[in-house]
Amino acid sequence: MKGTDPEFLEAARLIRKFFPESKSCITDEVGLDWDAFLGAMQTVEYAADYSCDPFRNPDDPDNGLSEQGGLEGNATEIYKRLLTHTSLNPNGRAVVVPDALGRTGWSIEECPPFACSTNTICGRLNEITFFGQSHDSIFVYESGEALLIDHHNRVHWARSQRK
């Protein structure tokens, strides 16, 4: 699966629609790259929690996610914990990018991005191996919210100001 496949192109289109600040970062040239998307997230109402990163620096943001169970458990438990911890309240459709490698990369785990209702995300996550795989995973919601878990288990979240 490559960054030029229809699943990737449609996911990029929806991400730009749901999180308009990403339009300059998620381009046809860049593709679905986690670092580029993080740059877009950091331009709006943004927060992060590095408490699950085993290599975090003492001055990195620690909002206590690791004390609440961190990224341990099954996909449903982790996903619900992340929503509670971040105070995100997504609704509508969602785009989930299990491994955001950018246009030139491809996922050896064959994890293409997918769109679904926010009500069915947990079921979809339970169908695949999702958390704990050292992936850079992105969730972008039609409600203008975004959640990113990077390969260091740092959690980033933001709310679009244009949605």
Protein backbone atom coordinates (compact mmCIF):
# COMPACT_ATOMS: atom_id res chain seq x y z
CA MET A 1 0.00 0.00 0.00
CA LYS A 2 1.53 3.30 -1.10
CA GLY A 3 0.77 6.94 -0.41
CA THR A 4 -0.70 7.30 -3.89
CA ASP A 5 -3.37 4.63 -3.36
CA PRO A 6 -7.02 5.76 -3.24
CA GLU A 7 -7.33 5.10 0.51
CA PHE A 8 -4.49 7.48 1.25
CA LEU A 9 -5.69 10.16 -1.15
CA GLU A 10 -9.22 10.09 0.28
CA ALA A 11 -7.92 10.17 3.86
CA ALA A 12 -5.75 13.20 3.03
CA ARG A 13 -8.72 14.97 1.43
CA LEU A 14 -10.92 14.39 4.49
CA ILE A 15 -8.18 15.42 6.91
CA ARG A 16 -7.76 18.72 5.08
CA LYS A 17 -11.54 19.20 5.20
CA PHE A 18 -11.97 18.27 8.89
CA PHE A 19 -8.85 20.09 10.11
CA PRO A 20 -8.37 23.01 7.69
CA GLU A 21 -5.11 24.15 9.29
CA SER A 22 -3.50 21.03 7.78
CA LYS A 23 -4.02 22.16 4.17
CA SER A 24 -0.48 23.50 3.86
CA CYS A 25 1.03 20.48 5.67
CA ILE A 26 -0.83 17.52 4.19
CA THR A 27 -0.15 18.04 0.50
CA ASP A 28 0.03 15.65 -2.43
CA GLU A 29 3.82 15.84 -2.18
CA VAL A 30 4.04 15.22 1.58
CA GLY A 31 1.14 12.82 1.97
CA LEU A 32 -0.02 11.61 5.37
CA ASP A 33 3.08 12.44 7.37
CA TRP A 34 2.71 12.58 11.16
CA ASP A 35 5.38 15.24 11.67
CA ALA A 36 3.83 17.56 9.10
CA PHE A 37 0.41 17.09 10.67
CA LEU A 38 1.84 17.77 14.13
CA GLY A 39 3.09 21.09 12.79
CA ALA A 40 -0.47 21.99 11.79
CA MET A 41 -1.80 20.93 15.19
CA GLN A 42 0.70 23.16 16.98
CA THR A 43 -0.68 26.27 15.27
CA VAL A 44 -4.05 26.02 17.05
CA GLU A 45 -5.41 25.07 20.47
CA TYR A 46 -2.78 22.38 21.12
CA ALA A 47 -1.70 20.28 24.10
CA ALA A 48 0.54 17.27 24.64
CA ASP A 49 1.34 14.63 27.23
CA TYR A 50 4.72 12.93 27.10
CA SER A 51 4.23 10.89 30.28
CA CYS A 52 4.16 7.57 28.37
CA ASP A 53 7.47 8.29 26.58
CA PRO A 54 10.17 6.26 28.34
CA PHE A 55 12.82 8.72 27.08
CA ARG A 56 11.06 11.97 28.00
CA ASN A 57 13.02 14.89 29.37
CA PRO A 58 12.15 16.21 32.82
CA ASP A 59 10.75 19.42 31.33
CA ASP A 60 8.52 17.65 28.76
CA PRO A 61 4.75 17.99 29.31
CA ASP A 62 3.41 15.41 31.76
CA ASN A 63 -0.34 15.62 32.24
CA GLY A 64 -0.60 12.29 34.04
CA LEU A 65 -1.76 9.93 31.29
CA SER A 66 0.70 7.23 32.37
CA GLU A 67 -0.71 7.35 35.91
CA GLN A 68 -4.18 6.71 34.48
CA GLY A 69 -3.04 3.57 32.67
CA GLY A 70 -1.31 5.20 29.73
CA LEU A 71 -1.37 3.18 26.55
CA GLU A 72 -1.85 -0.17 28.30
CA GLY A 73 -4.92 -2.35 27.79
CA ASN A 74 -7.08 -3.26 24.83
CA ALA A 75 -7.81 -0.82 22.03
CA THR A 76 -11.21 0.20 23.41
CA GLU A 77 -9.81 0.93 26.88
CA ILE A 78 -6.91 2.94 25.50
CA TYR A 79 -9.05 4.91 23.05
CA LYS A 80 -11.65 5.83 25.69
CA ARG A 81 -8.87 6.73 28.15
CA LEU A 82 -7.33 9.02 25.53
CA LEU A 83 -10.63 10.80 24.87
CA THR A 84 -11.24 11.29 28.59
CA HIS A 85 -7.69 12.47 29.22
CA THR A 86 -7.69 14.95 26.35
CA SER A 87 -11.29 16.14 26.88
CA LEU A 88 -11.94 15.57 23.20
CA ASN A 89 -15.59 15.00 22.34
CA PRO A 90 -15.54 13.99 18.69
CA ASN A 91 -18.65 13.52 16.62
CA GLY A 92 -19.52 12.82 13.02
CA ARG A 93 -17.04 11.01 10.84
CA ALA A 94 -13.44 10.24 11.66
CA VAL A 95 -10.33 9.52 9.64
CA VAL A 96 -7.93 7.09 11.29
CA VAL A 97 -4.38 6.77 9.99
CA PRO A 98 -2.85 3.80 11.79
CA ASP A 99 0.67 4.49 10.53
CA ALA A 100 1.37 7.97 9.13
CA LEU A 101 4.60 7.51 7.18
CA GLY A 102 4.16 10.15 4.52
CA ARG A 103 3.98 9.85 0.76
CA THR A 104 7.24 8.03 0.16
CA GLY A 105 6.67 5.43 2.82
CA TRP A 106 4.37 2.51 3.11
CA SER A 107 3.26 0.50 6.07
CA ILE A 108 4.81 -2.93 6.32
CA GLU A 109 1.87 -3.85 8.53
CA GLU A 110 -0.48 -3.05 5.66
CA CYS A 111 -2.53 -0.64 7.76
CA PRO A 112 -4.26 1.68 5.31
CA PRO A 113 -6.11 4.72 6.64
CA PHE A 114 -9.86 4.44 6.98
CA ALA A 115 -12.88 6.64 7.55
CA CYS A 116 -15.73 5.65 9.82
CA SER A 117 -18.29 7.06 12.22
CA THR A 118 -16.95 8.17 15.59
CA ASN A 119 -19.42 5.66 17.04
CA THR A 120 -17.65 2.73 15.37
CA ILE A 121 -13.99 3.58 15.94
CA CYS A 122 -13.53 1.18 18.87
CA GLY A 123 -14.84 -1.73 16.84
CA ARG A 124 -12.57 -0.87 13.94
CA LEU A 125 -9.53 -0.51 16.22
CA ASN A 126 -10.21 -3.92 17.74
CA GLU A 127 -10.08 -5.46 14.24
CA ILE A 128 -6.42 -4.51 13.80
CA THR A 129 -3.33 -4.38 15.99
CA PHE A 130 -3.27 -0.70 16.75
CA PHE A 131 -1.71 0.63 19.95
CA GLY A 132 1.77 -0.32 21.11
CA GLN A 133 3.23 -0.89 17.65
CA SER A 134 5.63 2.11 17.54
CA HIS A 135 3.44 3.66 14.89
CA ASP A 136 2.63 7.31 14.36
CA SER A 137 -1.16 7.25 14.47
CA ILE A 138 -3.54 10.09 13.65
CA PHE A 139 -7.24 10.52 14.38
CA VAL A 140 -8.98 13.48 12.73
CA TYR A 141 -12.63 14.12 13.46
CA GLU A 142 -15.31 15.91 11.49
CA SER A 143 -15.92 18.03 14.60
CA GLY A 144 -12.51 19.66 14.03
CA GLU A 145 -10.54 17.79 16.67
CA ALA A 146 -7.35 15.81 16.16
CA LEU A 147 -5.40 13.26 18.18
CA LEU A 148 -1.91 12.01 17.36
CA ILE A 149 0.10 9.31 19.13
CA ASP A 150 3.69 9.29 17.91
CA HIS A 151 6.21 6.44 17.87
CA HIS A 152 7.59 7.58 21.25
CA ASN A 153 4.11 7.20 22.81
CA ARG A 154 3.76 10.96 23.13
CA VAL A 155 0.13 12.04 22.87
CA HIS A 156 -0.80 15.28 21.07
CA TRP A 157 -4.26 16.78 20.64
CA ALA A 158 -5.71 19.92 19.12
CA ARG A 159 -8.91 21.68 18.13
CA SER A 160 -9.25 23.44 14.82
CA GLN A 161 -10.08 27.12 14.96
CA ARG A 162 -11.55 27.14 11.45
CA LYS A 163 -14.05 24.31 11.80
